[in-house]
C-alpha atoms as a PDB file:
ATOM      1  CA  MET A   1      -0.121   0.109  -0.128  1.00  0.00           C
ATOM      2  CA  THR A   2       1.535   3.239  -1.250  1.00  0.00           C
ATOM      3  CA  THR A   3       1.366   6.398   1.226  1.00  0.00           C
ATOM      4  CA  LEU A   4       2.123   9.672   0.015  1.00  0.00           C
ATOM      5  CA  LEU A   5       3.304  12.478   2.549  1.00  0.00           C
ATOM      6  CA  SER A   6       2.864  15.805   0.997  1.00  0.00           C
ATOM      7  CA  LEU A   7       3.926  19.167   2.330  1.00  0.00           C
ATOM      8  CA  VAL A   8       1.125  21.516   2.195  1.00  0.00           C
ATOM      9  CA  GLY A   9       2.070  25.323   1.172  1.00  0.00           C
ATOM     10  CA  GLU A  10      -0.241  28.248  -0.164  1.00  0.00           C
ATOM     11  CA  GLN A  11      -1.317  26.430  -3.331  1.00  0.00           C
ATOM     12  CA  PRO A  12      -3.446  23.197  -3.818  1.00  0.00           C
ATOM     13  CA  ILE A  13      -2.936  22.165  -7.186  1.00  0.00           C
ATOM     14  CA  PRO A  14       0.749  20.778  -7.060  1.00  0.00           C
ATOM     15  CA  ILE A  15      -0.498  18.335  -4.347  1.00  0.00           C
ATOM     16  CA  LEU A  16      -3.430  17.594  -6.331  1.00  0.00           C
ATOM     17  CA  LEU A  17      -1.411  16.944  -9.586  1.00  0.00           C
ATOM     18  CA  VAL A  18       1.096  14.449  -7.751  1.00  0.00           C
ATOM     19  CA  ASP A  19      -1.796  12.578  -6.063  1.00  0.00           C
ATOM     20  CA  ARG A  20      -3.686  12.086  -9.163  1.00  0.00           C
ATOM     21  CA  ALA A  21      -0.174  11.068 -10.680  1.00  0.00           C
ATOM     22  CA  LEU A  22       0.845   8.347  -8.286  1.00  0.00           C
ATOM     23  CA  GLN A  23      -2.484   7.509  -7.076  1.00  0.00           C
ATOM     24  CA  PRO A  24      -1.586   6.731  -3.680  1.00  0.00           C
ATOM     25  CA  ALA A  25      -3.779   4.327  -1.381  1.00  0.00           C
ATOM     26  CA  ARG A  26      -3.308   6.830   1.600  1.00  0.00           C
ATOM     27  CA  HIS A  27      -2.311  10.722   1.437  1.00  0.00           C
ATOM     28  CA  ILE A  28      -0.994  12.545   4.588  1.00  0.00           C
ATOM     29  CA  LEU A  29      -1.129  16.074   4.109  1.00  0.00           C
ATOM     30  CA  ALA A  30       1.437  17.653   6.580  1.00  0.00           C
ATOM     31  CA  HIS A  31       0.084  21.620   6.895  1.00  0.00           C
ATOM     32  CA  THR A  32       0.739  24.343   9.464  1.00  0.00           C
ATOM     33  CA  GLU A  33      -2.074  26.677  10.872  1.00  0.00           C
ATOM     34  CA  ARG A  34      -1.434  28.772   8.086  1.00  0.00           C
ATOM     35  CA  THR A  35      -2.031  26.292   5.447  1.00  0.00           C
ATOM     36  CA  HIS A  36      -4.838  24.477   7.095  1.00  0.00           C
ATOM     37  CA  ARG A  37      -7.348  26.066   4.960  1.00  0.00           C
ATOM     38  CA  VAL A  38      -5.646  24.595   1.828  1.00  0.00           C
ATOM     39  CA  ALA A  39      -5.486  21.207   3.183  1.00  0.00           C
ATOM     40  CA  ARG A  40      -9.189  21.401   4.335  1.00  0.00           C
ATOM     41  CA  ASN A  41     -10.361  22.439   0.704  1.00  0.00           C
ATOM     42  CA  LEU A  42      -8.319  19.487  -0.663  1.00  0.00           C
ATOM     43  CA  LYS A  43      -9.899  16.938   1.587  1.00  0.00           C
ATOM     44  CA  PRO A  44     -13.282  16.602  -0.598  1.00  0.00           C
ATOM     45  CA  LEU A  45     -10.971  15.742  -3.601  1.00  0.00           C
ATOM     46  CA  LEU A  46      -8.786  13.274  -1.756  1.00  0.00           C
ATOM     47  CA  PRO A  47     -10.847  11.227   0.485  1.00  0.00           C
ATOM     48  CA  HIS A  48      -8.264   8.856   1.073  1.00  0.00           C
ATOM     49  CA  ALA A  49      -6.105  11.954   2.612  1.00  0.00           C
ATOM     50  CA  ASP A  50      -5.575  12.447   6.391  1.00  0.00           C
ATOM     51  CA  LEU A  51      -4.671  15.928   7.810  1.00  0.00           C
ATOM     52  CA  LEU A  52      -1.330  16.042   9.851  1.00  0.00           C
ATOM     53  CA  PRO A  53      -1.024  19.433  11.871  1.00  0.00           C
ATOM     54  CA  LEU A  54       2.374  20.944  12.543  1.00  0.00           C
ATOM     55  CA  GLU A  55       2.730  23.226  15.363  1.00  0.00           C
ATOM     56  CA  ASN A  56       5.631  25.073  13.902  1.00  0.00           C
ATOM     57  CA  ALA A  57       6.516  25.189  10.306  1.00  0.00           C
ATOM     58  CA  TYR A  58      10.060  26.189  11.143  1.00  0.00           C
ATOM     59  CA  ASP A  59      11.071  24.130  13.908  1.00  0.00           C
ATOM     60  CA  LEU A  60      13.310  21.496  12.023  1.00  0.00           C
ATOM     61  CA  ALA A  61      13.991  18.876  14.899  1.00  0.00           C
ATOM     62  CA  ALA A  62      10.165  18.836  15.657  1.00  0.00           C
ATOM     63  CA  ILE A  63       9.228  18.224  12.131  1.00  0.00           C
ATOM     64  CA  ARG A  64      11.877  15.678  11.633  1.00  0.00           C
ATOM     65  CA  ARG A  65      10.620  13.691  14.752  1.00  0.00           C
ATOM     66  CA  CYS A  66       6.874  14.106  13.385  1.00  0.00           C
ATOM     67  CA  PHE A  67       7.827  12.560  10.047  1.00  0.00           C
ATOM     68  CA  GLU A  68       9.703   9.663  11.776  1.00  0.00           C
ATOM     69  CA  GLN A  69       6.824   8.851  13.705  1.00  0.00           C
ATOM     70  CA  LYS A  70       4.557   8.421  10.590  1.00  0.00           C
ATOM     71  CA  TYR A  71       7.337   6.761   8.522  1.00  0.00           C
ATOM     72  CA  HIS A  72       6.581   3.470   7.184  1.00  0.00           C
ATOM     73  CA  PRO A  73       8.399   1.446   4.473  1.00  0.00           C
ATOM     74  CA  GLY A  74       7.331   2.239   1.016  1.00  0.00           C
ATOM     75  CA  MET A  75       6.128   5.837   1.958  1.00  0.00           C
ATOM     76  CA  VAL A  76       6.829   8.307  -0.707  1.00  0.00           C
ATOM     77  CA  PHE A  77       7.614  12.109   0.282  1.00  0.00           C
ATOM     78  CA  ASN A  78       6.348  15.083  -1.957  1.00  0.00           C
ATOM     79  CA  LEU A  79       8.478  17.984  -1.110  1.00  0.00           C
ATOM     80  CA  THR A  80       7.098  20.385  -3.542  1.00  0.00           C
ATOM     81  CA  SER A  81       5.322  22.889  -1.160  1.00  0.00           C
ATOM     82  CA  GLY A  82       5.688  23.847   2.465  1.00  0.00           C
ATOM     83  CA  THR A  83       8.452  25.860   4.142  1.00  0.00           C
ATOM     84  CA  LYS A  84      12.359  25.004   3.785  1.00  0.00           C
ATOM     85  CA  PRO A  85      12.647  23.340   7.101  1.00  0.00           C
ATOM     86  CA  MET A  86       9.601  21.195   6.233  1.00  0.00           C
ATOM     87  CA  ALA A  87      11.191  20.055   3.008  1.00  0.00           C
ATOM     88  CA  TRP A  88      14.857  19.434   4.989  1.00  0.00           C
ATOM     89  CA  ALA A  89      13.104  17.467   7.502  1.00  0.00           C
ATOM     90  CA  GLY A  90      11.241  15.454   4.722  1.00  0.00           C
ATOM     91  CA  PHE A  91      14.421  14.885   2.605  1.00  0.00           C
ATOM     92  CA  GLU A  92      16.516  13.763   5.968  1.00  0.00           C
ATOM     93  CA  VAL A  93      13.949  11.160   6.762  1.00  0.00           C
ATOM     94  CA  ALA A  94      13.697   9.979   3.156  1.00  0.00           C
ATOM     95  CA  GLN A  95      17.237   9.652   3.071  1.00  0.00           C
ATOM     96  CA  ARG A  96      17.608   7.854   6.046  1.00  0.00           C
ATOM     97  CA  HIS A  97      15.028   5.230   5.055  1.00  0.00           C
ATOM     98  CA  HIS A  98      16.139   5.443   1.284  1.00  0.00           C
ATOM     99  CA  ALA A  99      12.471   6.479   0.667  1.00  0.00           C
ATOM    100  CA  GLN A 100      11.558   7.814  -2.636  1.00  0.00           C
ATOM    101  CA  ILE A 101      11.056  11.617  -3.129  1.00  0.00           C
ATOM    102  CA  VAL A 102       8.945  13.524  -5.692  1.00  0.00           C
ATOM    103  CA  TYR A 103       8.957  17.008  -6.522  1.00  0.00           C
ATOM    104  CA  LEU A 104       6.307  18.697  -9.019  1.00  0.00           C
ATOM    105  CA  GLU A 105       8.024  21.317 -11.798  1.00  0.00           C
ATOM    106  CA  SER A 106       5.584  23.728 -13.370  1.00  0.00           C
ATOM    107  CA  GLN A 107       8.275  26.104 -15.068  1.00  0.00           C
ATOM    108  CA  GLY A 108       7.732  26.343 -18.524  1.00  0.00           C
ATOM    109  CA  LYS A 109       3.992  25.808 -18.311  1.00  0.00           C
ATOM    110  CA  GLN A 110       4.435  22.068 -18.253  1.00  0.00           C
ATOM    111  CA  SER A 111       3.948  19.820 -15.273  1.00  0.00           C
ATOM    112  CA  ARG A 112       6.876  17.324 -14.949  1.00  0.00           C
ATOM    113  CA  LEU A 113       7.289  15.001 -12.099  1.00  0.00           C
ATOM    114  CA  HIS A 114      10.774  14.595 -10.686  1.00  0.00           C
ATOM    115  CA  THR A 115      11.488  11.449  -8.612  1.00  0.00           C
ATOM    116  CA  LEU A 116      14.666  10.916  -6.514  1.00  0.00           C
ATOM    117  CA  GLY A 117      15.856   7.697  -5.142  1.00  0.00           C
ATOM    118  CA  PHE A 118      18.762   6.802  -2.941  1.00  0.00           C
ATOM    119  CA  VAL A 119      21.017   3.906  -3.907  1.00  0.00           C
ATOM    120  CA  GLY A 120      24.014   3.598  -1.424  1.00  0.00           C
ATOM    121  CA  ASN A 121      25.576   7.024  -1.171  1.00  0.00           C
ATOM    122  CA  ASP A 122      24.102   8.029  -4.826  1.00  0.00           C
ATOM    123  CA  VAL A 123      21.035  10.127  -5.331  1.00  0.00           C
ATOM    124  CA  ARG A 124      19.228   9.059  -8.638  1.00  0.00           C
ATOM    125  CA  GLN A 125      16.865  11.350 -10.269  1.00  0.00           C
ATOM    126  CA  ASP A 126      14.581  11.175 -13.432  1.00  0.00           C
ATOM    127  CA  ALA A 127      11.389  13.160 -14.631  1.00  0.00           C
ATOM    128  CA  ARG A 128       8.284  12.510 -16.626  1.00  0.00           C
ATOM    129  CA  GLY A 129       5.743  14.912 -17.997  1.00  0.00           C
ATOM    130  CA  LEU A 130       2.072  14.452 -16.698  1.00  0.00           C
ATOM    131  CA  ASN A 131      -0.927  14.021 -18.786  1.00  0.00           C
ATOM    132  CA  THR A 132      -3.946  16.203 -18.147  1.00  0.00           C
ATOM    133  CA  LEU A 133      -4.989  15.457 -14.755  1.00  0.00           C
ATOM    134  CA  LEU A 134      -7.856  17.854 -13.957  1.00  0.00           C
ATOM    135  CA  ASP A 135     -10.524  20.313 -15.301  1.00  0.00           C
ATOM    136  CA  ILE A 136     -11.687  23.480 -14.479  1.00  0.00           C
ATOM    137  CA  LYS A 137     -14.366  22.596 -11.956  1.00  0.00           C
ATOM    138  CA  THR A 138     -11.777  20.419 -10.112  1.00  0.00           C
ATOM    139  CA  TYR A 139      -9.448  23.406 -10.341  1.00  0.00           C
ATOM    140  CA  ILE A 140     -12.059  25.543  -8.813  1.00  0.00           C
ATOM    141  CA  ARG A 141     -13.111  23.214  -6.017  1.00  0.00           C
ATOM    142  CA  ALA A 142      -9.330  22.551  -4.984  1.00  0.00           C
ATOM    143  CA  HIS A 143      -9.478  26.220  -4.143  1.00  0.00           C
ATOM    144  CA  GLY A 144     -12.523  25.815  -1.844  1.00  0.00           C
ATOM    145  CA  LEU A 145     -14.981  27.609  -4.285  1.00  0.00           C
ATOM    146  CA  GLN A 146     -17.921  26.615  -5.997  1.00  0.00           C
ATOM    147  CA  ILE A 147     -18.894  27.146  -9.724  1.00  0.00           C
ATOM    148  CA  GLU A 148     -21.732  28.960 -11.423  1.00  0.00           C
ATOM    149  CA  SER A 149     -21.385  29.389 -15.130  1.00  0.00           C
ATOM    150  CA  HIS A 150     -23.635  31.045 -17.618  1.00  0.00           C
ATOM    151  CA  LEU A 151     -23.501  30.965 -21.270  1.00  0.00           C
ATOM    152  CA  THR A 152     -24.712  34.344 -21.744  1.00  0.00           C
ATOM    153  CA  PHE A 153     -22.911  37.388 -23.128  1.00  0.00           C
ATOM    154  CA  SER A 154     -22.987  40.968 -22.789  1.00  0.00           C
ATOM    155  CA  ASN A 155     -21.226  42.358 -26.109  1.00  0.00           C
ATOM    156  CA  GLY A 156     -20.324  41.134 -29.467  1.00  0.00           C
ATOM    157  CA  GLN A 157     -16.493  41.135 -28.233  1.00  0.00           C
ATOM    158  CA  GLU A 158     -17.362  38.184 -25.690  1.00  0.00           C
ATOM    159  CA  VAL A 159     -19.089  36.234 -28.278  1.00  0.00           C
ATOM    160  CA  ALA A 160     -16.223  36.475 -30.515  1.00  0.00           C
ATOM    161  CA  LEU A 161     -13.826  35.595 -27.877  1.00  0.00           C
ATOM    162  CA  TYR A 162     -15.767  32.468 -26.884  1.00  0.00           C
ATOM    163  CA  HIS A 163     -16.126  31.192 -30.535  1.00  0.00           C
ATOM    164  CA  PHE A 164     -12.221  31.575 -30.825  1.00  0.00           C
ATOM    165  CA  LEU A 165     -11.373  30.342 -27.429  1.00  0.00           C
ATOM    166  CA  GLN A 166     -13.408  27.149 -27.752  1.00  0.00           C
ATOM    167  CA  ASP A 167     -10.882  25.939 -30.316  1.00  0.00           C
ATOM    168  CA  ALA A 168      -7.755  27.513 -29.113  1.00  0.00           C
ATOM    169  CA  VAL A 169      -7.737  25.940 -25.655  1.00  0.00           C
ATOM    170  CA  ASP A 170      -8.802  22.423 -24.186  1.00  0.00           C
ATOM    171  CA  GLU A 171     -11.515  23.963 -21.785  1.00  0.00           C
ATOM    172  CA  CYS A 172     -13.344  27.460 -21.657  1.00  0.00           C
ATOM    173  CA  LEU A 173     -15.973  28.415 -19.237  1.00  0.00           C
ATOM    174  CA  PRO A 174     -17.595  31.913 -19.814  1.00  0.00           C
ATOM    175  CA  ASN A 175     -19.412  34.118 -17.244  1.00  0.00           C
ATOM    176  CA  LEU A 176     -18.503  32.528 -13.833  1.00  0.00           C
ATOM    177  CA  LYS A 177     -20.057  34.169 -10.954  1.00  0.00           C
ATOM    178  CA  PHE A 178     -18.771  34.057  -7.481  1.00  0.00           C
ATOM    179  CA  PRO A 179     -20.067  35.774  -4.274  1.00  0.00           C
ATOM    180  CA  ALA A 180     -17.079  38.209  -4.248  1.00  0.00           C
ATOM    181  CA  PHE A 181     -16.402  38.806  -7.942  1.00  0.00           C
ATOM    182  CA  GLU A 182     -17.232  37.527 -11.595  1.00  0.00           C
ATOM    183  CA  ILE A 183     -15.065  36.023 -14.330  1.00  0.00           C
ATOM    184  CA  ASP A 184     -15.383  36.673 -17.846  1.00  0.00           C
ATOM    185  CA  PHE A 185     -13.562  33.401 -19.013  1.00  0.00           C
ATOM    186  CA  LEU A 186     -11.710  30.632 -17.331  1.00  0.00           C
ATOM    187  CA  VAL A 187      -9.610  28.788 -19.790  1.00  0.00           C
ATOM    188  CA  ARG A 188      -7.456  25.531 -19.612  1.00  0.00           C
ATOM    189  CA  ARG A 189      -4.929  23.725 -21.514  1.00  0.00           C
ATOM    190  CA  GLY A 190      -3.585  20.627 -20.075  1.00  0.00           C
ATOM    191  CA  ASN A 191      -3.257  21.269 -16.240  1.00  0.00           C
ATOM    192  CA  GLN A 192      -2.584  25.201 -16.787  1.00  0.00           C
ATOM    193  CA  VAL A 193      -5.320  27.522 -15.997  1.00  0.00           C
ATOM    194  CA  ALA A 194      -6.011  31.227 -16.673  1.00  0.00           C
ATOM    195  CA  VAL A 195      -8.287  34.050 -15.808  1.00  0.00           C
ATOM    196  CA  ILE A 196      -9.404  36.291 -18.725  1.00  0.00           C
ATOM    197  CA  GLU A 197     -10.877  39.801 -18.187  1.00  0.00           C
ATOM    198  CA  ALA A 198     -12.157  41.273 -21.433  1.00  0.00           C
ATOM    199  CA  LYS A 199     -13.149  44.801 -21.607  1.00  0.00           C
ATOM    200  CA  ASP A 200     -14.794  46.446 -24.579  1.00  0.00           C
ATOM    201  CA  LYS A 201     -14.669  50.479 -23.657  1.00  0.00           C
ATOM    202  CA  LYS A 202     -12.643  52.714 -25.923  1.00  0.00           C
ATOM    203  CA  LYS A 203     -10.715  53.906 -22.874  1.00  0.00           C
ATOM    204  CA  SER A 204      -9.045  51.363 -20.559  1.00  0.00           C
ATOM    205  CA  SER A 205      -9.116  51.784 -16.648  1.00  0.00           C
ATOM    206  CA  ARG A 206      -7.343  49.887 -14.054  1.00  0.00           C
ATOM    207  CA  PHE A 207     -10.567  48.210 -13.009  1.00  0.00           C
ATOM    208  CA  GLY A 208      -9.402  45.027 -15.186  1.00  0.00           C
ATOM    209  CA  ILE A 209      -6.203  44.934 -13.505  1.00  0.00           C
ATOM    210  CA  ASP A 210      -7.918  45.130 -10.055  1.00  0.00           C
ATOM    211  CA  GLN A 211     -10.135  42.089 -10.946  1.00  0.00           C
ATOM    212  CA  LEU A 212      -7.527  40.036 -12.174  1.00  0.00           C
ATOM    213  CA  THR A 213      -5.107  40.595  -8.811  1.00  0.00           C
ATOM    214  CA  THR A 214      -8.213  40.132  -6.821  1.00  0.00           C
ATOM    215  CA  ILE A 215      -9.464  36.723  -8.596  1.00  0.00           C
ATOM    216  CA  THR A 216      -6.023  35.265  -8.530  1.00  0.00           C
ATOM    217  CA  GLY A 217      -5.045  36.381  -5.062  1.00  0.00           C
ATOM    218  CA  ARG A 218      -3.994  33.648  -2.349  1.00  0.00           C
ATOM    219  CA  GLU A 219      -7.390  33.725  -0.790  1.00  0.00           C
ATOM    220  CA  TYR A 220      -9.228  32.524  -4.332  1.00  0.00           C
ATOM    221  CA  LEU A 221      -7.639  31.055  -7.282  1.00  0.00           C
ATOM    222  CA  GLY A 222      -4.041  31.511  -6.441  1.00  0.00           C
ATOM    223  CA  ILE A 223      -0.998  33.259  -7.810  1.00  0.00           C
ATOM    224  CA  TYR A 224      -0.266  30.539 -10.284  1.00  0.00           C
ATOM    225  CA  THR A 225      -3.496  31.278 -12.158  1.00  0.00           C
ATOM    226  CA  GLY A 226      -2.603  32.968 -15.268  1.00  0.00           C
ATOM    227  CA  ARG A 227      -3.931  36.396 -15.858  1.00  0.00           C
ATOM    228  CA  ILE A 228      -4.891  37.765 -19.304  1.00  0.00           C
ATOM    229  CA  TRP A 229      -6.540  41.152 -19.906  1.00  0.00           C
ATOM    230  CA  ILE A 230      -8.241  41.652 -23.118  1.00  0.00           C
ATOM    231  CA  VAL A 231      -8.706  45.430 -24.171  1.00  0.00           C
ATOM    232  CA  LYS A 232     -10.310  47.203 -27.092  1.00  0.00           C
ATOM    233  CA  ASN A 233      -7.757  50.012 -27.009  1.00  0.00           C
ATOM    234  CA  MET A 234      -4.244  49.526 -25.405  1.00  0.00           C
ATOM    235  CA  PRO A 235      -3.828  51.577 -22.272  1.00  0.00           C
ATOM    236  CA  GLY A 236      -1.344  54.176 -21.462  1.00  0.00           C
ATOM    237  CA  LYS A 237       2.287  53.463 -20.403  1.00  0.00           C
ATOM    238  CA  ASP A 238       1.458  53.642 -16.669  1.00  0.00           C
ATOM    239  CA  LEU A 239      -1.313  51.204 -16.730  1.00  0.00           C
ATOM    240  CA  LEU A 240       0.871  48.864 -19.090  1.00  0.00           C
ATOM    241  CA  ASP A 241       3.727  48.939 -16.580  1.00  0.00           C
ATOM    242  CA  LEU A 242       1.188  48.304 -13.731  1.00  0.00           C
ATOM    243  CA  ALA A 243       0.037  45.327 -15.471  1.00  0.00           C
ATOM    244  CA  ARG A 244       3.466  43.860 -16.156  1.00  0.00           C
ATOM    245  CA  ALA A 245       4.625  44.214 -12.549  1.00  0.00           C
ATOM    246  CA  TYR A 246       1.436  41.938 -11.675  1.00  0.00           C
ATOM    247  CA  ARG A 247       2.432  39.739 -14.624  1.00  0.00           C
ATOM    248  CA  ILE A 248      -0.988  40.303 -16.531  1.00  0.00           C
ATOM    249  CA  GLU A 249      -0.559  39.997 -20.154  1.00  0.00           C
ATOM    250  CA  VAL A 250      -2.495  42.620 -21.978  1.00  0.00           C
ATOM    251  CA  VAL A 251      -4.016  41.853 -25.620  1.00  0.00           C
ATOM    252  CA  GLN A 252      -5.829  44.274 -27.998  1.00  0.00           C
ATOM    253  CA  VAL A 253      -8.279  42.488 -30.007  1.00  0.00           C
ATOM    254  CA  SER A 254     -10.931  43.872 -32.662  1.00  0.00           C
ATOM    255  CA  ILE A 255     -14.021  42.219 -34.016  1.00  0.00           C
ATOM    256  CA  GLN A 256     -15.495  42.101 -37.428  1.00  0.00           C
ATOM    257  CA  ASP A 257     -18.716  40.767 -39.118  1.00  0.00           C
ATOM    258  CA  HIS A 258     -20.476  43.409 -37.007  1.00  0.00           C
ATOM    259  CA  ASN A 259     -23.701  43.713 -39.721  1.00  0.00           C
ATOM    260  CA  THR A 260     -24.264  39.969 -39.810  1.00  0.00           C
ATOM    261  CA  GLY A 261     -24.312  39.093 -36.126  1.00  0.00           C
ATOM    262  CA  ARG A 262     -21.716  36.471 -36.645  1.00  0.00           C
ATOM    263  CA  TRP A 263     -19.167  38.245 -34.295  1.00  0.00           C
ATOM    264  CA  ARG A 264     -15.557  37.024 -34.685  1.00  0.00           C
ATOM    265  CA  LEU A 265     -12.080  38.319 -34.119  1.00  0.00           C
ATOM    266  CA  THR A 266     -10.178  39.679 -36.791  1.00  0.00           C
ATOM    267  CA  PRO A 267      -7.310  37.429 -38.094  1.00  0.00           C
ATOM    268  CA  GLU A 268      -4.588  39.764 -36.361  1.00  0.00           C
ATOM    269  CA  SER A 269      -6.461  39.813 -33.170  1.00  0.00           C
ATOM    270  CA  GLN A 270      -6.616  35.728 -33.228  1.00  0.00           C
ATOM    271  CA  ARG A 271      -2.761  35.719 -33.910  1.00  0.00           C
ATOM    272  CA  ARG A 272      -2.152  37.988 -31.005  1.00  0.00           C
ATOM    273  CA  LEU A 273      -4.216  36.407 -28.559  1.00  0.00           C
ATOM    274  CA  SER A 274      -2.827  32.915 -29.610  1.00  0.00           C
ATOM    275  CA  GLN A 275       0.761  34.140 -28.816  1.00  0.00           C
ATOM    276  CA  VAL A 276      -0.555  35.202 -25.422  1.00  0.00           C
ATOM    277  CA  LEU A 277      -2.213  31.965 -24.907  1.00  0.00           C
ATOM    278  CA  ASP A 278       0.930  29.996 -25.441  1.00  0.00           C
ATOM    279  CA  GLN A 279       2.965  32.184 -23.079  1.00  0.00           C
ATOM    280  CA  VAL A 280       0.409  31.630 -20.397  1.00  0.00           C
ATOM    281  CA  LEU A 281      -0.727  28.269 -20.857  1.00  0.00           C
ATOM    282  CA  GLY A 282       1.929  26.659 -22.786  1.00  0.00           C
ATOM    283  CA  ALA A 283       1.966  25.609 -26.445  1.00  0.00           C
ATOM    284  CA  PRO A 284      -0.746  23.101 -27.456  1.00  0.00           C
ATOM    285  CA  ASP A 285       0.391  19.558 -27.744  1.00  0.00           C
ATOM    286  CA  GLY A 286       1.404  18.607 -31.409  1.00  0.00           C
END
């Protein structure tokens, strides 16, 4: 029986992806008071998981003793998240027992699972890419939110964007409503997810930036969720600099076929938006 012990940080998705990749029979979520909310949100998606509270995220000796007490042969240590002392303690216990260590890499917009094994005094490491292991609804639930999506649009730009995004990404949900905010589009490619705020006003304001930073804050969808701001006219330098500081990609789009009611993005708008989607979500397979 495989048991996975994961260090819980402020983001739930790395833990969820590793669980779905390894499919352990039991999963121990080692969390602190600060990250208890993350572990609690994951529990409904991981019914085989148990929560392991740590009193102090920086007490290396106490954490090491706790992990030693929980260890049994065959345990795998997921050291992707948590504090550095938590990771050090996990590494030391794994090394002592020659247990396997895993670490999820998400740089380059691809999910790669690194595996470390101890053979004598040597450490052997390999990595493999992960297939798609979640959908948007699961992504939202992992952050403790409930989804309510409506296939309604307020203007021609949103219609044109929806038609384009349906073919450009693996999954696209429009017009999502939450108690504290609304999302114009939530898109996914593989295991990467991004929020899109679309504004069709002639003059851009910082409202779109504020919306994106609120939605992707730690309390909601998390800082690893991509941010895309679609505008009718490019904002001024100050707003562009502010967007860049918040890692928000800004895309100017135009629509055509106004008179027929078949709202579509212009070819140049499609090209620009395709490039940004590749930057934020990674290039499509194939």
